[in-house]
Amino acid sequence: MRSVFLCTFFAAVLPSVAQTPDWSKVNEEALGHFQALLRIDSSDPPGNETPVAEYVRKVMEAEGIPVTLAAKDPARANVIARLKGNGRRRPLLIMGHSDVVRVDPPKWKFPPFSATRDGGYIYGRGSLDDKSDLIADLMTMLLLKRLKIPLDRDVIFVSEVGEEAATGPGIEFLVNEHWGEIEAEIALAEGGGVRRRNGQLVYATVQTTEKQPKSARLVSTGPSGHGSRPLRTNALVHLSRAVAAVAAWEPPTRFNDTTRYYFEKLATVSDPATAARYRDLFDQQKSAAAREYLAEHDPGAYSMLHTSISPNIITGGYQVNVIPSEAEATLDIRALPDENIEVFYDMVRKVINDPAVRLVPETRNQRPGASPSPIDSDAYRAIEAAYKKTYGVITVPQMSTGATDMAFLRAKGVECYGVGAMVDEEDAAKGFGAHSDQERVLEEAIYKHLQFFWDAVNSMAAKQ
């Protein structure tokens, strides 16, 4: 009787021990689903993500998980599923996007939608961005259901469309038309990950904030004329000077809690020269040299220091012997989360200092600004602990210089954290990164990401 009592007692207080997934079987199943998702061409544009939605719905409904397809466009269906908790805490949202960027097939070693396994890698568009997150979300929902994990909060699954090129049918539609179905206290989505260097694990990142994508046009005007009689008022000449001035300008450096902690903590796992450079960023006497080095050798880190500007498109003229009366350049501006963009535009105008050139702000495809998610929250600590358990590395908060759909959730007051699979730092330079001419992920990284994600979600949502 005593033996029966002890078994019952430990089963009650240590449910996680009895309910640990059989990872060898789970990994085999996850690989099958992952390859199936990669083989669906959901390039955006045009999107056509509904086949992904149908696949996910079929898998979830087979496990008894209720699923809703929400679509502004029938060809572009989002997926919403929910596992109910006891309501003690507000919901947790786990989200991945089903669309992928377009491909140039001749540049691929293997067909881009073949999901080929070769040399420890899985090749396919979306293998990193973002079907590696989508499979972790999907498998976590299946395991929570199968193992009957008691939950203190609802866990909401979302597979969203349009992240790569058009947020209208995806996150904007969900926030505006289906908010009651996805509203949550915390969200986990893309944006972070684990870094390997020379085959060695180095650190993990969590995206806690992101820059705001802005754009503006520089429009230069002047009289047209015959090309044989050069004019000082040539619109192209004025535009060229303006573009050169903007490109050479270094906007003011400004840290927030995320970027300050990022560089401080990254210094603890860097080689001595790199660590010194990161620390120099906070030294007024040495900062300029450190920034210049980053501008040349690490533009991603450099971009975190301030609102950035990149002139990416220039148009003007239509015939070789005609001086154009108008020329235009498009600026890709990535603003710090708290940037007063109108004040910033005025600063740019002063840098250009040319009445022949106007700065015209664009308002299309904008993401909302929001405060960074906290790095002292229970959710952040749960992610940090899960990374440590799975990979044995430190966790560093990061501000994304790009854009994610978490911006729309943060603007609604959701604590958002971007996580991701393990990647080799060298892969992007070799042309195998996200959005590259080829894309691949370590097969091991898929399995580890799932284990990490399982631990993080359980820590945040399982009954305490």
Foldseek 3Di string as FASTA:
>chain_A
DVVVVVVVVCCVVPVCVVQPDPLVVLLVVLLVLLLVLLLDAQAPVVGQLVVVVVVLCVVCVVLVWDKDWDWPDNSFTKIKTKDFAPQQFWEEEEEAESYFHDADQVLEPDGQSRLDDDPQWTWHTCQFRPSLSVSLLSSLVSSCSVSVFHWNYMYMYMHFTDFPHRCVGTLVCCVVPVCVRRPGQAYEYADWEWEDEPNHTFETEKAQAAWWKWKKKKKFFDDKDWQVDDDPRQRVVLVVLLQVLQQPDDPAFDDDPQLLQQLQVSLVRDDVVSSVLSVLCPPPVRNVVSLVVCVVPPVQNNCNGFWHKDFDDKDFDDDDGMRTRMIMIMITITGDLPDPVVVVVVVSCVSSVDPRIDIGIDDPPIFHGADGADCPDLLNVQLQVLCCVLRVHGYGYDYHHDDGSCSNVRVVVHRYIHYGWYDYPCCVVVQAPRPGNIHMDRSVRSSSVSSSSSSSCCSVIGDD
